[in-house]
Each structure stands twice: as C-alpha cells, then as structure tokens.
C-alpha cells in the first residue's frame, strides 16, 4: 500500500504468462509437449459451497447490509456483504469509529475462520485493497469498468477490509494514537464489537496487509495474542507484503544500488551517473554492510539505527549517501512516469479511479474519485464526506513505535502457526533485499535469521482463465524459503501491491496462510480450480538473487 507522504525442465526459469494460446500470444510448454492448453472458459470450480444465500443477515446486522446488485458502475451481483461504521469501544459516548466492508465466503472450509486485510500508509484506505487487489470486484488502473475478480480472497475465506487507524478513509473521530500500541488497542475494541455484531466468536483469525501494515499487522497480532482469549482473538497466522519492518537505511538506501544494477535496463543511466552510484555505495559503507549482513546464516545482530552506515551524528542520512532519493530523482528525468511502486512502469500515466495510479496523484479533467462519489457512499453505508485514498495526521505528531522487525514480530512468529513475508521484485518504495536483511537480524524460535539462503521455487498452479480482463501468471514465479515457522517469498514481475500485480501468486499465498497447502513449492492445483499441472522438475527459484557486494 502506498505511503501517505507521498520444471528445471519446467522451462519456467522465469515466470510464465498464463494467458496462453490466444491471438498474439504463444503457449510456453513446460518440459512436455502434451501439457493441455488452458481453457478460455471457467470450469465449474472444485469448491464446496454453502447453499444459504444470506449467512449473516439478522436484526442486528441488517443496517450494515449492502445490496449486491446496487453498487454504482458494477453491472453484476457482488454477493452478500456488510459495510458501515463500528465504534472502537463499548462506551456509549464513543465517537471514534472504523469503517469496514465484510464479505462472507461460500467456501465450506471457511466456516470457522475470518481474515482481516489492512492497507498501510500510515493513513491509507483498505478500500484500495478491496477495489484493486483482492476484493470480489476490481477496477484496475486504466481499465474500462469494474469486473469480477476470480482471485478474490473471498473465494477462500471470509474477509473484512478495515479502514484504520482513526482518521483513515471514512473512519470517524479525532485521531489520538501516538504509537502502534494505541492503534492495536483501538483495533481490538473495534474487533470485539464487530465479532459480537456478526456472531463470529471462536473463529480462527488471520491478519494480512501490506506496506506500513508491516507495523499494523504484527502489533495488532501481538496485542490479540497477549489477550489469551480465543473467543475473540484466536490468531492463527499472519502475512505481510512488502512490509515496512525496519529502518529506512536498511530498506531503502543500503540496497538501492544493488537493486538498480539488477534492473539495469529499467534504469538507463549514463556511465558518469553509474560511476557515482557505485563509488557512493562503496564510500558510504553500503557494500561492506551487504557483504557482512546479507549472509546465511547471519554473523550476528545488525548495528543499531545510530550506527548504520551512511548516517550522520544525528542519525540522519548524509546527503551524499541518500542514494534512494538520488536514484528516484534521476530516473524521473528519463522516465517521467516512473512508478516507485512498480519500476517497470512507463508513460502514459494511466487514469486510476482512486486518483493515485503511481508515484504521484493524477486526476484528469472531468474524472471523479470512486469512493468520493455520494452515490457510491450511499450504496456502501459510508458517511457522505470527502474521501481520500491516503490521509495525513492519523498519529498525533508521528508513530513513536520501533519497527516490528526489532520489536514484536519475532514473538508473533513464535506464537503463530504460520507467518508469511512476501516481497515484489519490482518494488522500490521498499527494496526486497532490505526486507531480507531485516529477517537476518531477527531472532525467533531459538536462532537468528535464516540459516540457509532462499533458493526454493515458488510455484503458482496453472489454472483456467475466466476472462481476458483478469489474466494472471502461473509456473515458477519466484523464490521461497521456510524456517522455524517463517516463510519468505519473493514474487517475480510484482510491484509493491502484490495482489494487484500478481493476483494468482497472492491467491496461492493465502492458501498457505490458511493451511490449505503445505508449501509454496507445492505443485498441487489451486484448492478452487483442479486444473491439470505439468509433471516436471521445478529447479530453483527465479527471483532476484541475493548477491554479496556490488
């Protein structure tokens, strides 16, 4: 989510595009010539469904009910859902409320569970995730109209998207949070009211999010686990995508030149500027830092924030070592539509119904922001007010909490059945190897970091394509690794918002999160699509290699 400031024979050695054999595209075989072609029509899903059409409609929930055929510009039934404002405490005088949109699943395996999705920022709306990532209908950048999402997580489980903290999106009240501890306490108050309203007691709880939710998800999960109350807070597993979990120097400046070298064709700098970058990476100490700490197993804890390379005596990045800023400024001259969230983006700038298609807001003349329309707000039980995708001021002054990677995240891993950290290979707002360095600094379940370098293949099953409007990749799609309850996965051809750029990959991650599969290297079909898979050796993963030095 945006930051508010702003097989061996599987010749799938790289990610294979799953939109096969139609005009203008060729099918890439994977080790065998008798692999069946992918059907252009959706087969009957191999999914057991509940027959009741309104699972959660009661006298208590009716005020939240959303008419599935009445969503503006959506010309199909989105199904049963509930949306509105819910207080963050049981006090009769409580004025602070969080906005949610809850979609029950028809998957019978979801009967005892619920998944929470949170976008980041801080202050960015989770309705972005719903509309453009993993909701039942999606309206992507530059596309004509909303379409059904075959990779919605609602196919797998019950999902609620929540706008939080207070001050985000449609949420109401004056922000009072000064830390993630405050945010978590307020969320738990909301959650208890939500569970009581929809009679969701004793459910397994899964929490997922992206970007600044690298703070939100672990801190909220930690607060829930600390309650030791499975009636409301039975956290089973968490997942964070492209997460903010460490200090800026580690997730931005230190790995920047390595990232630029790997994606050299997307950063066509002249030799003088390239020499400047490599000289700076050396003199700022970034090369030595990577050589020392991006190793498996790690040699020991990373230096504290005041001792990281490239910083001055005040803990601020030295101007000559601020390489992330330098690169993003320089590339904008060559590619004025450069998108730090997905660095393969070039002009033209696409119109986005949320008004923020890339690194900067863009609303063409005559366009309107979807959730800022009064007809949309009425349809989804939202207050009639101005809505922004990302809001400032959700913390009093600023978030005073330490990053989760040096605070609560290790304990959440230890007390959960599964934790997944995923990172898109094309994301530069937070760099993949910076997240790996954060992992190598953590100690959980008796050891520090991964003891073995990630090399296993991340496999996305071949699948049927219901529409050309929702094509998604398959095959070996990156690199994964699991140790002591933590799974790392790097996703090829994905930017910051993984469910948006790689929806089939994200769908697979959720199957692991829910415990429906045992590994991200598994070649079993999707649990909702029994498409025949190739019988071949996968080989190694294909994500950007972890290199030592530059």
Protein backbone atom coordinates (compact mmCIF):
# COMPACT_ATOMS: atom_id res chain seq x y z
CA UNK A 1 0.00 0.00 0.00
CA UNK A 2 1.17 3.48 -0.75
CA UNK A 3 2.89 5.65 1.83
CA UNK A 4 0.67 8.59 2.55
CA UNK A 5 3.52 11.04 2.16
CA UNK A 6 3.60 10.68 -0.98
CA UNK A 7 10.23 -27.65 -14.03
CA UNK A 8 14.45 -27.47 -14.01
CA UNK A 9 13.00 -28.70 -17.29
CA UNK A 10 9.95 -26.69 -16.44
CA UNK A 11 11.31 -24.09 -18.70
CA UNK A 12 9.62 -21.78 -16.39
CA UNK A 13 13.00 -20.47 -15.43
CA UNK A 14 11.19 -17.19 -15.27
CA UNK A 15 7.53 -16.60 -14.55
CA UNK A 16 5.28 -17.80 -17.34
CA UNK A 17 2.38 -15.73 -18.51
CA UNK A 18 -0.75 -17.78 -18.10
CA UNK A 19 -2.68 -16.07 -20.86
CA UNK A 20 -1.89 -18.73 -23.41
CA UNK A 21 -2.69 -19.63 -26.98
CA UNK A 22 -4.97 -16.80 -27.97
CA UNK A 23 -4.25 -14.40 -30.79
CA UNK A 24 -0.90 -12.69 -30.44
CA UNK A 25 0.35 -14.95 -27.64
CA UNK A 26 2.12 -18.27 -27.73
CA UNK A 27 1.82 -21.09 -25.23
CA UNK A 28 5.05 -21.83 -23.44
CA UNK A 29 5.32 -25.54 -22.84
CA UNK A 30 6.94 -26.75 -19.67
CA UNK A 31 9.13 -29.72 -20.27
CA UNK A 32 6.43 -31.74 -22.06
CA UNK A 33 4.59 -31.24 -25.30
CA UNK A 34 1.39 -32.84 -24.10
CA UNK A 35 0.56 -30.19 -21.49
CA UNK A 36 -3.12 -29.38 -22.06
CA UNK A 37 -3.99 -25.92 -23.27
CA UNK A 38 -5.72 -23.65 -20.83
CA UNK A 39 -9.45 -23.30 -21.29
CA UNK A 40 -10.80 -19.88 -22.14
CA UNK A 41 -13.93 -20.69 -20.16
CA UNK A 42 -14.07 -21.09 -16.45
CA UNK A 43 -14.77 -24.67 -15.45
CA UNK A 44 -17.11 -25.40 -12.57
CA UNK A 45 -14.95 -24.61 -9.50
CA UNK A 46 -13.89 -27.56 -7.41
CA UNK A 47 -15.17 -25.84 -4.30
CA UNK A 48 -17.82 -26.89 -1.84
CA UNK A 49 -20.27 -24.05 -1.33
CA UNK A 50 -22.85 -23.27 1.28
CA UNK A 51 -26.39 -23.10 -0.06
CA UNK A 52 -27.70 -20.35 2.22
CA UNK A 53 -27.69 -17.02 0.39
CA UNK A 54 -27.62 -14.65 3.37
CA UNK A 55 -25.48 -16.21 6.04
CA UNK A 56 -25.16 -13.22 8.34
CA UNK A 57 -28.36 -11.23 7.86
CA UNK A 58 -30.03 -10.71 11.25
CA UNK A 59 -31.93 -7.95 13.00
CA UNK A 60 -28.59 -6.75 14.35
CA UNK A 61 -26.71 -6.77 11.03
CA UNK A 62 -29.43 -5.57 8.67
CA UNK A 63 -28.37 -1.92 8.99
CA UNK A 64 -24.98 -2.90 7.56
CA UNK A 65 -26.35 -4.97 4.66
CA UNK A 66 -25.19 -3.90 1.18
CA UNK A 67 -27.30 -4.51 -1.92
CA UNK A 68 -25.04 -6.65 -4.09
CA UNK A 69 -26.73 -5.50 -7.28
CA UNK A 70 -26.75 -1.82 -6.34
CA UNK A 71 -23.06 -0.84 -6.46
CA UNK A 72 -22.62 2.06 -8.91
CA UNK A 73 -20.90 1.14 -12.21
CA UNK A 74 -20.77 -2.54 -11.18
CA UNK A 75 -23.04 -4.39 -13.61
CA UNK A 76 -23.08 -7.72 -11.75
CA UNK A 77 -24.03 -9.02 -8.31
CA UNK A 78 -21.11 -8.80 -5.89
CA UNK A 79 -22.88 -11.12 -3.46
CA UNK A 80 -23.64 -10.85 0.23
CA UNK A 81 -21.71 -8.16 2.09
CA UNK A 82 -21.98 -5.79 5.02
CA UNK A 83 -20.41 -2.37 5.46
CA UNK A 84 -20.51 0.62 7.77
CA UNK A 85 -19.05 2.27 10.83
CA UNK A 86 -18.29 0.41 14.07
CA UNK A 87 -17.17 2.05 17.35
CA UNK A 88 -13.72 1.27 18.76
CA UNK A 89 -15.10 0.69 22.25
CA UNK A 90 -18.36 -0.22 24.00
CA UNK A 91 -18.66 3.20 25.64
CA UNK A 92 -21.97 4.91 24.85
CA UNK A 93 -20.05 8.17 24.46
CA UNK A 94 -17.54 6.75 21.94
CA UNK A 95 -17.28 8.97 18.85
CA UNK A 96 -14.40 7.18 17.17
CA UNK A 97 -15.50 4.59 14.60
CA UNK A 98 -13.74 2.50 11.97
CA UNK A 99 -15.29 1.79 8.57
CA UNK A 100 -15.37 -1.84 7.43
CA UNK A 101 -16.64 -3.88 4.47
CA UNK A 102 -17.22 -7.55 5.26
CA UNK A 103 -17.67 -10.27 2.63
CA UNK A 104 -18.71 -13.76 3.77
CA UNK A 105 -17.30 -16.69 1.80
CA UNK A 106 -19.26 -19.55 0.29
CA UNK A 107 -16.30 -21.89 0.79
CA UNK A 108 -17.33 -24.51 3.33
CA UNK A 109 -13.75 -24.62 4.65
CA UNK A 110 -14.17 -21.02 5.82
CA UNK A 111 -16.89 -21.76 8.37
CA UNK A 112 -14.63 -21.37 11.41
CA UNK A 113 -12.31 -18.58 10.29
CA UNK A 114 -12.04 -14.94 9.21
CA UNK A 115 -9.28 -12.90 7.55
CA UNK A 116 -8.58 -9.21 8.21
CA UNK A 117 -6.99 -7.11 5.43
CA UNK A 118 -5.19 -3.84 6.21
CA UNK A 119 -3.56 -1.37 3.83
CA UNK A 120 -0.74 0.85 5.02
CA UNK A 121 0.29 4.47 4.75
CA UNK A 122 0.02 5.27 7.59
CA UNK A 123 -3.43 6.60 6.77
CA UNK A 124 -4.15 4.73 3.52
CA UNK A 125 -7.53 3.13 2.99
CA UNK A 126 -8.05 -0.62 2.89
CA UNK A 127 -10.73 0.05 0.26
CA UNK A 128 -7.83 0.28 -2.18
CA UNK A 129 -7.08 -3.33 -1.38
CA UNK A 130 -10.74 -4.24 -1.87
CA UNK A 131 -11.17 -2.40 -5.20
CA UNK A 132 -7.79 -3.05 -6.81
CA UNK A 133 -6.19 -6.04 -5.13
CA UNK A 134 -8.15 -8.86 -3.53
CA UNK A 135 -11.85 -7.91 -3.36
CA UNK A 136 -14.74 -9.63 -5.16
CA UNK A 137 -14.75 -6.94 -7.86
CA UNK A 138 -11.79 -4.94 -9.13
CA UNK A 139 -11.27 -1.75 -11.09
CA UNK A 140 -7.63 -1.58 -12.09
CA UNK A 141 -5.64 1.36 -13.42
CA UNK A 142 -6.59 2.24 -16.98
CA UNK A 143 -9.38 -0.34 -17.29
CA UNK A 144 -12.83 0.39 -18.65
CA UNK A 145 -15.07 -0.77 -15.82
CA UNK A 146 -15.18 -2.98 -12.71
CA UNK A 147 -15.02 -6.72 -13.35
CA UNK A 148 -15.46 -9.83 -11.20
CA UNK A 149 -12.20 -10.89 -9.55
CA UNK A 150 -11.56 -14.64 -9.92
CA UNK A 151 -8.68 -14.31 -7.45
CA UNK A 152 -10.63 -12.63 -4.69
CA UNK A 153 -9.66 -13.98 -1.32
CA UNK A 154 -13.37 -14.32 -0.57
CA UNK A 155 -13.28 -17.48 -2.72
CA UNK A 156 -11.15 -18.97 0.04
CA UNK A 157 -12.37 -17.46 3.29
CA UNK A 158 -14.43 -14.75 4.98
CA UNK A 159 -12.69 -11.39 4.58
CA UNK A 160 -13.16 -7.98 6.19
CA UNK A 161 -11.40 -4.85 4.91
CA UNK A 162 -10.99 -2.23 7.65
CA UNK A 163 -10.09 1.45 7.31
CA UNK A 164 -7.84 2.16 10.28
CA UNK A 165 -6.41 3.88 12.31
CA UNK A 166 -8.93 6.58 13.17
CA UNK A 167 -8.52 9.34 10.59
CA UNK A 168 -8.23 6.95 7.64
CA UNK A 169 -10.80 6.97 4.84
CA UNK A 170 -14.39 7.00 6.11
CA UNK A 171 -13.40 6.35 9.74
CA UNK A 172 -14.76 8.91 12.19
CA UNK A 173 -13.43 10.82 15.17
CA UNK A 174 -10.31 12.69 16.17
CA UNK A 175 -7.08 10.70 15.91
CA UNK A 176 -5.47 10.14 19.31
CA UNK A 177 -2.93 7.39 18.58
CA UNK A 178 0.70 8.13 19.35
CA UNK A 179 2.01 4.60 18.80
CA UNK A 180 1.20 1.18 17.43
CA UNK A 181 0.20 0.13 20.94
CA UNK A 182 -2.58 2.73 20.73
CA UNK A 183 -3.56 1.61 17.23
CA UNK A 184 -3.74 -2.02 18.33
CA UNK A 185 -5.82 -1.23 21.40
CA UNK A 186 -8.30 0.74 19.31
CA UNK A 187 -8.47 -2.01 16.71
CA UNK A 188 -9.15 -4.65 19.37
CA UNK A 189 -12.02 -2.55 20.69
CA UNK A 190 -13.47 -2.34 17.18
CA UNK A 191 -12.88 -6.04 16.65
CA UNK A 192 -14.77 -7.11 19.76
CA UNK A 193 -17.78 -5.05 18.62
CA UNK A 194 -17.51 -6.49 15.11
CA UNK A 195 -17.32 -10.08 16.35
CA UNK A 196 -20.32 -9.59 18.63
CA UNK A 197 -22.38 -7.95 15.88
CA UNK A 198 -21.82 -10.78 13.40
CA UNK A 199 -21.60 -13.63 15.95
CA UNK A 200 -18.07 -14.54 14.90
CA UNK A 201 -16.86 -15.80 18.27
CA UNK A 202 -14.32 -18.63 18.41
CA UNK A 203 -13.14 -18.12 14.84
CA UNK A 204 -9.55 -18.65 13.75
CA UNK A 205 -8.24 -15.19 12.92
CA UNK A 206 -5.84 -14.45 10.07
CA UNK A 207 -4.37 -10.96 9.60
CA UNK A 208 -2.77 -9.76 6.37
CA UNK A 209 -1.67 -6.44 4.98
CA UNK A 210 0.96 -4.57 3.01
CA UNK A 211 3.46 -1.74 3.26
CA UNK A 212 3.02 0.21 6.52
CA UNK A 213 0.85 -2.70 7.65
CA UNK A 214 4.27 -4.20 8.37
CA UNK A 215 3.72 -2.20 11.58
CA UNK A 216 -0.05 -2.66 11.90
CA UNK A 217 -0.31 -6.43 11.39
CA UNK A 218 2.39 -7.59 13.85
CA UNK A 219 1.41 -5.08 16.53
CA UNK A 220 -2.30 -5.98 16.28
CA UNK A 221 -1.50 -9.70 16.21
CA UNK A 222 0.76 -9.27 19.24
CA UNK A 223 -2.00 -7.46 21.15
CA UNK A 224 -4.50 -10.18 20.26
CA UNK A 225 -2.15 -12.97 21.26
CA UNK A 226 -1.44 -11.21 24.55
CA UNK A 227 -5.15 -11.36 25.40
CA UNK A 228 -5.04 -15.17 25.53
CA UNK A 229 -8.73 -15.11 24.59
CA UNK A 230 -9.66 -17.45 21.74
CA UNK A 231 -13.29 -16.35 21.84
CA UNK A 232 -12.31 -13.11 20.09
CA UNK A 233 -8.59 -13.22 19.35
CA UNK A 234 -7.60 -16.69 18.15
CA UNK A 235 -4.78 -15.55 15.84
CA UNK A 236 -3.55 -18.49 13.78
CA UNK A 237 -1.35 -16.89 11.13
CA UNK A 238 -0.28 -13.56 9.64
CA UNK A 239 1.04 -12.32 6.30
CA UNK A 240 2.73 -9.04 5.40
CA UNK A 241 3.57 -7.90 1.88
CA UNK A 242 6.42 -5.53 1.01
CA UNK A 243 6.34 -4.53 4.64
CA UNK A 244 7.80 -1.60 6.50
CA UNK A 245 9.53 -3.55 9.24
CA UNK A 246 12.93 -1.92 9.69
CA UNK A 247 14.81 1.38 9.44
CA UNK A 248 14.81 3.42 6.24
CA UNK A 249 18.55 2.98 5.69
CA UNK A 250 18.16 -0.80 5.63
CA UNK A 251 15.03 -0.97 3.48
CA UNK A 252 15.94 1.89 1.13
CA UNK A 253 19.43 3.39 0.84
CA UNK A 254 21.69 0.41 1.57
CA UNK A 255 20.21 -1.97 -1.09
CA UNK A 256 19.39 0.71 -3.70
CA UNK A 257 22.45 0.38 -5.96
CA UNK A 258 22.20 -3.40 -5.91
CA UNK A 259 18.55 -3.06 -6.98
CA UNK A 260 19.43 -0.63 -9.79
CA UNK A 261 22.14 -2.98 -11.07
CA UNK A 262 19.76 -5.93 -11.14
CA UNK A 263 17.11 -3.98 -13.07
CA UNK A 264 19.68 -2.15 -15.19
CA UNK A 265 17.51 -1.98 -18.30
CA UNK A 266 14.86 -0.08 -16.35
CA UNK A 267 17.45 2.45 -15.12
CA UNK A 268 19.27 3.52 -18.32
CA UNK A 269 21.67 5.92 -16.65
CA UNK A 270 24.79 7.28 -18.32
CA UNK A 271 28.20 5.99 -17.28
CA UNK A 272 29.03 9.08 -15.21
CA UNK A 273 25.99 8.65 -13.01
CA UNK A 274 26.51 4.89 -12.73
CA UNK A 275 30.07 5.51 -11.55
CA UNK A 276 28.77 7.99 -8.99
CA UNK A 277 26.32 5.41 -7.61
CA UNK A 278 28.92 2.65 -7.31
CA UNK A 279 31.52 4.95 -5.77
CA UNK A 280 28.94 6.24 -3.27
CA UNK A 281 27.83 2.73 -2.32
CA UNK A 282 31.45 1.93 -1.54
CA UNK A 283 32.38 5.10 0.34
CA UNK A 284 29.12 5.13 2.34
CA UNK A 285 29.83 1.61 3.59
CA UNK A 286 26.83 0.01 1.89
CA UNK A 287 28.85 -2.65 0.06
CA UNK A 288 30.59 -3.83 3.21
CA UNK A 289 27.30 -3.85 5.07
CA UNK A 290 25.63 -6.09 2.46
CA UNK A 291 28.68 -8.37 2.27
CA UNK A 292 28.60 -8.78 6.03
CA UNK A 293 24.94 -8.97 6.92
CA UNK A 294 23.10 -10.34 3.89
CA UNK A 295 24.58 -13.76 4.55
CA UNK A 296 23.16 -17.12 5.58
CA UNK A 297 23.44 -17.76 8.46
CA UNK A 298 23.99 -14.18 9.67
CA UNK A 299 27.15 -13.26 11.61
CA UNK A 300 25.24 -11.51 14.40
CA UNK A 301 22.88 -8.61 15.05
CA UNK A 302 22.94 -5.59 12.77
CA UNK A 303 24.20 -2.27 14.15
CA UNK A 304 21.58 -0.14 15.85
CA UNK A 305 19.96 2.76 13.98
CA UNK A 306 22.54 5.29 15.17
CA UNK A 307 25.41 3.12 13.89
CA UNK A 308 24.11 2.21 10.45
CA UNK A 309 26.35 3.25 7.54
CA UNK A 310 25.61 6.48 5.68
CA UNK A 311 24.18 8.29 8.70
CA UNK A 312 25.45 11.45 10.38
CA UNK A 313 25.84 12.09 14.12
CA UNK A 314 22.14 12.96 14.38
CA UNK A 315 21.05 9.66 12.82
CA UNK A 316 20.02 11.31 9.55
CA UNK A 317 21.20 10.05 6.17
CA UNK A 318 24.12 12.06 4.86
CA UNK A 319 23.27 13.92 1.66
CA UNK A 320 25.98 12.09 -0.29
CA UNK A 321 24.66 8.73 0.96
CA UNK A 322 20.97 9.33 0.25
CA UNK A 323 21.11 7.08 -2.80
CA UNK A 324 17.43 6.13 -2.83
CA UNK A 325 16.42 9.78 -3.22
CA UNK A 326 19.15 10.33 -5.77
CA UNK A 327 18.04 7.43 -7.95
CA UNK A 328 14.33 8.22 -7.81
CA UNK A 329 15.02 11.84 -8.73
CA UNK A 330 17.38 10.93 -11.57
CA UNK A 331 15.17 8.28 -13.16
CA UNK A 332 12.25 10.71 -13.32
CA UNK A 333 14.22 12.68 -15.92
CA UNK A 334 14.45 9.62 -18.17
CA UNK A 335 11.04 8.18 -17.32
CA UNK A 336 8.69 10.94 -16.13
CA UNK A 337 6.04 8.30 -15.38
CA UNK A 338 8.42 6.25 -13.22
CA UNK A 339 6.48 4.43 -10.53
CA UNK A 340 8.47 3.64 -7.42
CA UNK A 341 5.83 1.03 -6.53
CA UNK A 342 6.42 -0.87 -9.80
CA UNK A 343 9.61 0.20 -11.56
CA UNK A 344 8.77 -1.34 -14.95
CA UNK A 345 6.03 1.29 -15.46
CA UNK A 346 6.46 3.78 -18.31
CA UNK A 347 4.30 6.52 -19.83
CA UNK A 348 1.47 7.22 -20.40
CA UNK A 349 0.20 7.79 -16.89
CA UNK A 350 -2.96 5.70 -16.57
CA UNK A 351 -6.16 7.03 -15.03
CA UNK A 352 -6.98 5.43 -11.71
CA UNK A 353 -10.48 5.64 -10.22
CA UNK A 354 -8.83 6.10 -6.82
CA UNK A 355 -6.79 9.02 -8.17
CA UNK A 356 -3.32 7.65 -7.43
CA UNK A 357 -2.09 5.36 -10.23
CA UNK A 358 1.63 5.56 -9.48
CA UNK A 359 4.12 7.65 -7.56
CA UNK A 360 2.02 10.79 -7.71
CA UNK A 361 -1.72 11.63 -7.74
CA UNK A 362 -3.36 12.11 -11.13
CA UNK A 363 -6.99 13.06 -11.75
CA UNK A 364 -7.74 14.06 -15.36
CA UNK A 365 -10.26 16.81 -16.05
CA UNK A 366 -13.82 15.56 -15.68
CA UNK A 367 -12.86 12.46 -13.68
CA UNK A 368 -14.07 11.65 -10.19
CA UNK A 369 -12.67 9.54 -7.35
CA UNK A 370 -14.85 6.44 -7.00
CA UNK A 371 -15.26 6.39 -3.21
CA UNK A 372 -15.67 10.18 -3.16
CA UNK A 373 -18.99 9.90 -5.03
CA UNK A 374 -22.14 10.29 -2.94
CA UNK A 375 -23.97 7.53 -4.86
CA UNK A 376 -21.16 5.10 -4.03
CA UNK A 377 -21.07 6.23 -0.40
CA UNK A 378 -24.83 5.68 -0.02
CA UNK A 379 -24.60 2.23 -1.59
CA UNK A 380 -21.92 1.04 0.84
CA UNK A 381 -23.32 2.62 4.04
CA UNK A 382 -20.47 5.12 4.22
CA UNK A 383 -20.78 8.64 5.60
CA UNK A 384 -21.31 11.32 2.95
CA UNK A 385 -18.00 13.13 3.09
CA UNK A 386 -14.83 13.76 1.16
CA UNK A 387 -12.80 10.56 0.88
CA UNK A 388 -9.10 10.32 0.13
CA UNK A 389 -7.11 7.20 -0.58
CA UNK A 390 -4.42 8.33 1.87
CA UNK A 391 -4.85 10.74 4.77
CA UNK A 392 -2.29 12.54 6.86
CA UNK A 393 -2.46 13.00 10.61
CA UNK A 394 -3.61 9.56 11.78
CA UNK A 395 -0.96 9.75 14.53
CA UNK A 396 -0.52 12.60 16.98
CA UNK A 397 2.76 14.06 15.68
CA UNK A 398 4.14 10.71 14.45
CA UNK A 399 4.26 6.99 15.16
CA UNK A 400 6.66 6.55 18.06
CA UNK A 401 6.86 2.77 17.84
CA UNK A 402 10.00 0.86 16.90
CA UNK A 403 9.75 -1.13 13.65
CA UNK A 404 8.10 -4.51 14.14
CA UNK A 405 11.21 -6.36 12.96
CA UNK A 406 13.09 -5.15 16.04
CA UNK A 407 10.16 -5.43 18.44
CA UNK A 408 7.02 -7.57 18.25
CA UNK A 409 7.37 -9.55 15.00
CA UNK A 410 9.64 -12.34 16.34
CA UNK A 411 7.20 -13.04 19.19
CA UNK A 412 4.27 -13.16 16.77
CA UNK A 413 6.13 -15.73 14.66
CA UNK A 414 6.83 -17.85 17.73
CA UNK A 415 3.21 -17.83 18.90
CA UNK A 416 1.59 -18.42 15.48
CA UNK A 417 1.25 -21.46 13.29
CA UNK A 418 2.48 -19.63 10.21
CA UNK A 419 3.93 -16.25 9.27
CA UNK A 420 4.49 -15.21 5.66
CA UNK A 421 6.58 -12.28 4.47
CA UNK A 422 6.30 -11.61 0.73
CA UNK A 423 8.03 -9.02 -1.43
CA UNK A 424 7.54 -7.97 -5.04
CA UNK A 425 10.75 -7.98 -7.07
CA UNK A 426 9.81 -4.75 -8.92
CA UNK A 427 9.06 -2.73 -5.79
CA UNK A 428 11.42 0.11 -4.92
CA UNK A 429 9.43 2.01 -2.30
CA UNK A 430 10.78 -0.77 -0.06
CA UNK A 431 13.52 -2.97 -1.52
CA UNK A 432 13.35 -6.76 -1.29
CA UNK A 433 16.91 -7.31 -0.05
CA UNK A 434 16.30 -4.75 2.69
CA UNK A 435 13.46 -6.91 3.96
CA UNK A 436 15.75 -9.95 3.84
CA UNK A 437 18.36 -8.07 5.90
CA UNK A 438 15.62 -7.35 8.44
CA UNK A 439 14.86 -11.07 8.61
CA UNK A 440 18.55 -11.88 9.06
CA UNK A 441 18.61 -9.53 12.06
CA UNK A 442 15.65 -11.18 13.84
CA UNK A 443 15.96 -13.95 16.39
CA UNK A 444 12.97 -16.28 16.67
CA UNK A 445 12.41 -19.85 17.80
CA UNK A 446 15.97 -20.27 19.01
CA UNK A 447 18.10 -18.89 16.18
CA UNK A 448 18.89 -15.67 14.34
CA UNK A 449 17.79 -15.28 10.73
CA UNK A 450 17.58 -17.93 8.05
CA UNK A 451 20.35 -20.47 8.30
CA UNK A 452 20.11 -21.28 4.59
CA UNK A 453 19.91 -18.92 1.62
CA UNK A 454 16.45 -18.93 -0.04
CA UNK A 455 16.57 -20.93 -3.27
CA UNK A 456 13.37 -22.99 -3.38
CA UNK A 457 10.95 -22.35 -6.26
CA UNK A 458 7.68 -20.58 -5.59
CA UNK A 459 5.10 -22.27 -7.80
CA UNK A 460 1.77 -20.83 -8.96
CA UNK A 461 -0.56 -23.51 -10.35
CA UNK A 462 -1.72 -23.46 -13.95
CA UNK A 463 -5.37 -22.53 -13.99
CA UNK A 464 -8.38 -21.74 -16.13
CA UNK A 465 -8.88 -18.16 -17.26
CA UNK A 466 -12.43 -16.84 -16.90
CA UNK A 467 -11.81 -13.61 -18.81
CA UNK A 468 -9.15 -11.66 -20.66
CA UNK A 469 -9.79 -8.85 -18.18
CA UNK A 470 -8.27 -10.87 -15.33
CA UNK A 471 -5.34 -12.79 -16.82
CA UNK A 472 -2.78 -13.95 -14.26
CA UNK A 473 0.54 -15.78 -14.34
CA UNK A 474 1.49 -19.33 -13.47
CA UNK A 475 4.54 -21.56 -13.16
CA UNK A 476 7.68 -20.89 -11.15
CA UNK A 477 7.05 -17.35 -10.04
CA UNK A 478 9.85 -16.52 -7.64
CA UNK A 479 11.77 -17.89 -4.69
CA UNK A 480 10.58 -19.11 -1.31
CA UNK A 481 12.05 -20.43 1.91
CA UNK A 482 10.67 -21.59 5.27
CA UNK A 483 12.44 -21.95 8.59
CA UNK A 484 11.06 -22.23 12.12
CA UNK A 485 7.55 -21.04 11.26
CA UNK A 486 8.51 -18.14 8.96
CA UNK A 487 8.03 -18.30 5.19
CA UNK A 488 9.75 -15.82 2.88
CA UNK A 489 8.61 -15.45 -0.72
CA UNK A 490 9.91 -13.15 -3.44
CA UNK A 491 7.48 -12.67 -6.31
CA UNK A 492 8.61 -12.07 -9.89
CA UNK A 493 7.02 -9.33 -12.01
CA UNK A 494 5.19 -7.91 -8.99
CA UNK A 495 5.40 -4.43 -7.59
CA UNK A 496 4.50 -3.15 -4.13
CA UNK A 497 0.85 -4.24 -4.21
CA UNK A 498 1.29 -7.97 -4.78
CA UNK A 499 -2.40 -8.97 -5.04
CA UNK A 500 -2.77 -6.29 -7.72
CA UNK A 501 0.27 -7.14 -9.83
CA UNK A 502 0.35 -10.91 -9.22
CA UNK A 503 -3.17 -11.97 -8.16
CA UNK A 504 -2.69 -15.70 -8.80
CA UNK A 505 0.54 -15.66 -6.78
CA UNK A 506 -1.21 -13.89 -3.91
CA UNK A 507 -4.08 -16.38 -4.07
CA UNK A 508 -1.55 -19.17 -3.56
CA UNK A 509 -0.06 -17.37 -0.56
CA UNK A 510 -3.48 -17.23 1.07
CA UNK A 511 -3.92 -20.97 0.58
CA UNK A 512 -0.71 -21.46 2.58
CA UNK A 513 -1.74 -18.84 5.15
CA UNK A 514 -4.99 -20.72 5.76
CA UNK A 515 -3.23 -24.09 5.96
CA UNK A 516 -4.85 -25.45 2.79
CA UNK A 517 -1.46 -26.37 1.25
CA UNK A 518 1.80 -27.33 2.96
CA UNK A 519 4.36 -25.38 0.93
CA UNK A 520 4.72 -22.61 -1.65
CA UNK A 521 6.76 -25.07 -3.72
CA UNK A 522 3.81 -27.46 -3.87
CA UNK A 523 2.56 -28.32 -7.36
CA UNK A 524 -0.93 -29.34 -6.32
CA UNK A 525 -3.69 -27.34 -8.09
CA UNK A 526 -5.47 -24.40 -6.54
CA UNK A 527 -7.98 -25.70 -4.00
CA UNK A 528 -10.71 -23.97 -6.04
CA UNK A 529 -9.57 -24.98 -9.55
CA UNK A 530 -8.49 -28.57 -10.23
CA UNK A 531 -6.55 -27.73 -13.40
CA UNK A 532 -4.03 -30.38 -14.52
CA UNK A 533 -0.46 -29.43 -13.58
CA UNK A 534 2.71 -30.28 -15.54
CA UNK A 535 4.74 -33.23 -14.32
CA UNK A 536 8.28 -31.87 -14.34
CA UNK A 537 11.15 -30.87 -12.05
CA UNK A 538 10.86 -27.32 -10.82
CA UNK A 539 14.51 -26.49 -10.24
CA UNK A 540 15.44 -23.40 -8.24
CA UNK A 541 13.52 -20.22 -7.65
CA UNK A 542 13.72 -17.35 -10.11
CA UNK A 543 13.55 -14.19 -8.01
CA UNK A 544 16.41 -11.65 -7.96
CA UNK A 545 19.45 -13.39 -6.49
CA UNK A 546 20.81 -12.42 -3.12
CA UNK A 547 24.23 -11.10 -4.14
CA UNK A 548 27.14 -10.27 -1.92
CA UNK A 549 28.67 -6.95 -2.79
CA UNK A 550 28.19 -4.95 -5.96
